[in-house]
Amino acid sequence: MNMKLRVVIEPQEEGGFTVYVPALPGCVSQGETEDEALVNIKEAADLYLESLKARGRPLPKVKELEIAV
C-alpha cells in the first residue's frame, strides 16, 4: 500500500519521542530517537491499515492543507 500520512513527533521530558498519526485514531508509537520512533510508527500504521482492510473497513480519506498562522 502506498499512502502518505502526516505524523506528529513529540519529544518526551523523560527522554525519547512519542509519535502519532492524526488520520489514524489510536495509532501511536515511540522510540528512543526520532529515527527509531519514525520506523516504529510506520510499522504501526502499516498494521493499522492492514487491519482495516482485513475487516472490510474503508481506508481513511486524507486531505492535507496548509494554513498560515
N, C-alpha and C. Protein backbone atom coordinates (compact mmCIF):
# COMPACT_ATOMS: atom_id res chain seq x y z
N MET A 1 0.85 -1.16 0.00
CA MET A 1 0.00 0.00 0.00
C MET A 1 0.90 1.24 0.00
N ASN A 2 0.54 2.20 -0.79
CA ASN A 2 1.34 3.41 -0.89
C ASN A 2 0.45 4.60 -0.54
N MET A 3 0.60 5.08 0.67
CA MET A 3 -0.25 6.15 1.17
C MET A 3 0.62 7.13 1.95
N LYS A 4 0.38 8.41 1.77
CA LYS A 4 1.13 9.40 2.53
C LYS A 4 0.28 9.84 3.71
N LEU A 5 0.86 9.78 4.90
CA LEU A 5 0.18 10.19 6.11
C LEU A 5 1.07 11.15 6.88
N ARG A 6 0.47 12.15 7.45
CA ARG A 6 1.21 13.09 8.30
C ARG A 6 1.39 12.45 9.67
N VAL A 7 2.57 12.59 10.24
CA VAL A 7 2.83 12.13 11.59
C VAL A 7 3.26 13.31 12.45
N VAL A 8 3.00 13.21 13.73
CA VAL A 8 3.42 14.22 14.69
C VAL A 8 4.38 13.54 15.66
N ILE A 9 5.55 14.13 15.83
CA ILE A 9 6.55 13.57 16.73
C ILE A 9 6.82 14.57 17.84
N GLU A 10 6.77 14.08 19.07
CA GLU A 10 6.93 14.95 20.23
C GLU A 10 8.02 14.42 21.15
N PRO A 11 8.99 15.26 21.52
CA PRO A 11 9.99 14.81 22.50
C PRO A 11 9.33 14.68 23.88
N GLN A 12 9.77 13.71 24.64
CA GLN A 12 9.24 13.49 25.98
C GLN A 12 10.22 13.97 27.03
N GLU A 13 9.72 14.52 28.12
CA GLU A 13 10.58 15.05 29.18
C GLU A 13 11.53 13.99 29.73
N GLU A 14 11.03 12.77 29.84
CA GLU A 14 11.84 11.69 30.41
C GLU A 14 12.81 11.09 29.39
N GLY A 15 12.75 11.58 28.17
CA GLY A 15 13.61 11.08 27.10
C GLY A 15 12.81 10.32 26.06
N GLY A 16 13.34 10.22 24.90
CA GLY A 16 12.66 9.53 23.82
C GLY A 16 11.62 10.41 23.15
N PHE A 17 10.88 9.80 22.23
CA PHE A 17 9.91 10.53 21.42
C PHE A 17 8.64 9.71 21.29
N THR A 18 7.51 10.41 21.32
CA THR A 18 6.21 9.81 21.02
C THR A 18 5.82 10.32 19.64
N VAL A 19 5.22 9.44 18.86
CA VAL A 19 4.80 9.81 17.51
C VAL A 19 3.42 9.21 17.25
N TYR A 20 2.58 9.99 16.55
CA TYR A 20 1.24 9.50 16.24
C TYR A 20 0.80 9.98 14.86
N VAL A 21 -0.24 9.32 14.35
CA VAL A 21 -0.80 9.63 13.04
C VAL A 21 -2.22 10.18 13.27
N PRO A 22 -2.41 11.49 13.11
CA PRO A 22 -3.73 12.07 13.36
C PRO A 22 -4.86 11.43 12.54
N ALA A 23 -4.58 11.00 11.33
CA ALA A 23 -5.62 10.41 10.47
C ALA A 23 -6.01 9.00 10.88
N LEU A 24 -5.21 8.39 11.78
CA LEU A 24 -5.48 7.02 12.24
C LEU A 24 -5.65 7.04 13.75
N PRO A 25 -6.85 7.30 14.25
CA PRO A 25 -7.07 7.43 15.69
C PRO A 25 -6.51 6.22 16.47
N GLY A 26 -5.72 6.53 17.48
CA GLY A 26 -5.13 5.48 18.32
C GLY A 26 -3.83 4.91 17.79
N CYS A 27 -3.39 5.35 16.63
CA CYS A 27 -2.13 4.86 16.05
C CYS A 27 -0.99 5.69 16.63
N VAL A 28 -0.36 5.15 17.68
CA VAL A 28 0.68 5.84 18.43
C VAL A 28 1.85 4.90 18.63
N SER A 29 3.05 5.45 18.63
CA SER A 29 4.24 4.65 18.93
C SER A 29 5.26 5.55 19.60
N GLN A 30 6.44 5.00 19.82
CA GLN A 30 7.50 5.76 20.46
C GLN A 30 8.85 5.19 20.08
N GLY A 31 9.89 5.89 20.46
CA GLY A 31 11.25 5.43 20.22
C GLY A 31 12.23 6.26 21.01
N GLU A 32 13.41 5.72 21.20
CA GLU A 32 14.45 6.44 21.92
C GLU A 32 14.99 7.62 21.11
N THR A 33 14.99 7.48 19.78
CA THR A 33 15.43 8.54 18.88
C THR A 33 14.29 8.87 17.92
N GLU A 34 14.40 10.01 17.24
CA GLU A 34 13.39 10.35 16.24
C GLU A 34 13.33 9.29 15.16
N ASP A 35 14.50 8.84 14.69
CA ASP A 35 14.53 7.83 13.63
C ASP A 35 13.84 6.55 14.08
N GLU A 36 14.13 6.11 15.29
CA GLU A 36 13.50 4.88 15.81
C GLU A 36 11.99 5.06 15.92
N ALA A 37 11.57 6.22 16.41
CA ALA A 37 10.13 6.49 16.53
C ALA A 37 9.45 6.46 15.17
N LEU A 38 10.10 7.00 14.15
CA LEU A 38 9.52 7.02 12.80
C LEU A 38 9.43 5.62 12.20
N VAL A 39 10.45 4.79 12.43
CA VAL A 39 10.40 3.40 11.98
C VAL A 39 9.24 2.68 12.67
N ASN A 40 9.10 2.91 13.97
CA ASN A 40 8.05 2.23 14.74
C ASN A 40 6.65 2.67 14.32
N ILE A 41 6.47 3.97 14.02
CA ILE A 41 5.13 4.42 13.63
C ILE A 41 4.78 3.94 12.23
N LYS A 42 5.77 3.78 11.37
CA LYS A 42 5.50 3.23 10.04
C LYS A 42 4.96 1.81 10.17
N GLU A 43 5.59 1.02 11.03
CA GLU A 43 5.12 -0.35 11.25
C GLU A 43 3.72 -0.34 11.86
N ALA A 44 3.48 0.53 12.83
CA ALA A 44 2.16 0.62 13.46
C ALA A 44 1.10 1.04 12.44
N ALA A 45 1.41 2.01 11.59
CA ALA A 45 0.45 2.46 10.58
C ALA A 45 0.17 1.36 9.57
N ASP A 46 1.20 0.63 9.16
CA ASP A 46 1.00 -0.49 8.23
C ASP A 46 0.04 -1.52 8.83
N LEU A 47 0.26 -1.87 10.10
CA LEU A 47 -0.61 -2.84 10.76
C LEU A 47 -2.04 -2.31 10.91
N TYR A 48 -2.16 -1.05 11.23
CA TYR A 48 -3.47 -0.40 11.37
C TYR A 48 -4.24 -0.51 10.06
N LEU A 49 -3.59 -0.13 8.95
CA LEU A 49 -4.25 -0.15 7.65
C LEU A 49 -4.57 -1.58 7.20
N GLU A 50 -3.67 -2.52 7.46
CA GLU A 50 -3.93 -3.93 7.15
C GLU A 50 -5.16 -4.43 7.91
N SER A 51 -5.28 -4.02 9.16
CA SER A 51 -6.42 -4.41 9.99
C SER A 51 -7.72 -3.86 9.41
N LEU A 52 -7.71 -2.61 8.97
CA LEU A 52 -8.91 -2.04 8.35
C LEU A 52 -9.31 -2.84 7.12
N LYS A 53 -8.33 -3.14 6.26
CA LYS A 53 -8.62 -3.90 5.04
C LYS A 53 -9.17 -5.27 5.38
N ALA A 54 -8.57 -5.96 6.36
CA ALA A 54 -8.98 -7.31 6.72
C ALA A 54 -10.42 -7.34 7.25
N ARG A 55 -10.85 -6.25 7.88
CA ARG A 55 -12.21 -6.18 8.42
C ARG A 55 -13.19 -5.54 7.45
N GLY A 56 -12.72 -5.22 6.24
CA GLY A 56 -13.59 -4.63 5.24
C GLY A 56 -13.96 -3.19 5.53
N ARG A 57 -13.17 -2.54 6.35
CA ARG A 57 -13.41 -1.14 6.69
C ARG A 57 -12.77 -0.24 5.64
N PRO A 58 -13.34 0.93 5.41
CA PRO A 58 -12.74 1.84 4.43
C PRO A 58 -11.45 2.46 4.96
N LEU A 59 -10.54 2.70 4.06
CA LEU A 59 -9.31 3.39 4.43
C LEU A 59 -9.62 4.86 4.63
N PRO A 60 -8.89 5.52 5.51
CA PRO A 60 -9.19 6.93 5.76
C PRO A 60 -8.95 7.79 4.53
N LYS A 61 -9.79 8.77 4.38
CA LYS A 61 -9.60 9.75 3.31
C LYS A 61 -8.77 10.87 3.92
N VAL A 62 -7.60 11.04 3.40
CA VAL A 62 -6.68 12.03 3.97
C VAL A 62 -6.57 13.21 3.03
N LYS A 63 -6.79 14.38 3.58
CA LYS A 63 -6.65 15.61 2.82
C LYS A 63 -5.69 16.50 3.61
N GLU A 64 -4.65 16.93 2.97
CA GLU A 64 -3.64 17.74 3.63
C GLU A 64 -3.72 19.17 3.13
N LEU A 65 -3.84 20.10 4.05
CA LEU A 65 -3.91 21.51 3.72
C LEU A 65 -2.86 22.26 4.52
N GLU A 66 -2.45 23.40 4.02
CA GLU A 66 -1.56 24.27 4.75
C GLU A 66 -2.31 25.53 5.12
N ILE A 67 -2.05 26.02 6.32
CA ILE A 67 -2.66 27.28 6.74
C ILE A 67 -1.56 28.21 7.23
N ALA A 68 -1.80 29.48 7.15
CA ALA A 68 -0.87 30.47 7.66
C ALA A 68 -1.36 30.93 9.03
N VAL A 69 -0.46 30.96 9.99
CA VAL A 69 -0.84 31.44 11.33
C VAL A 69 0.15 32.49 11.79
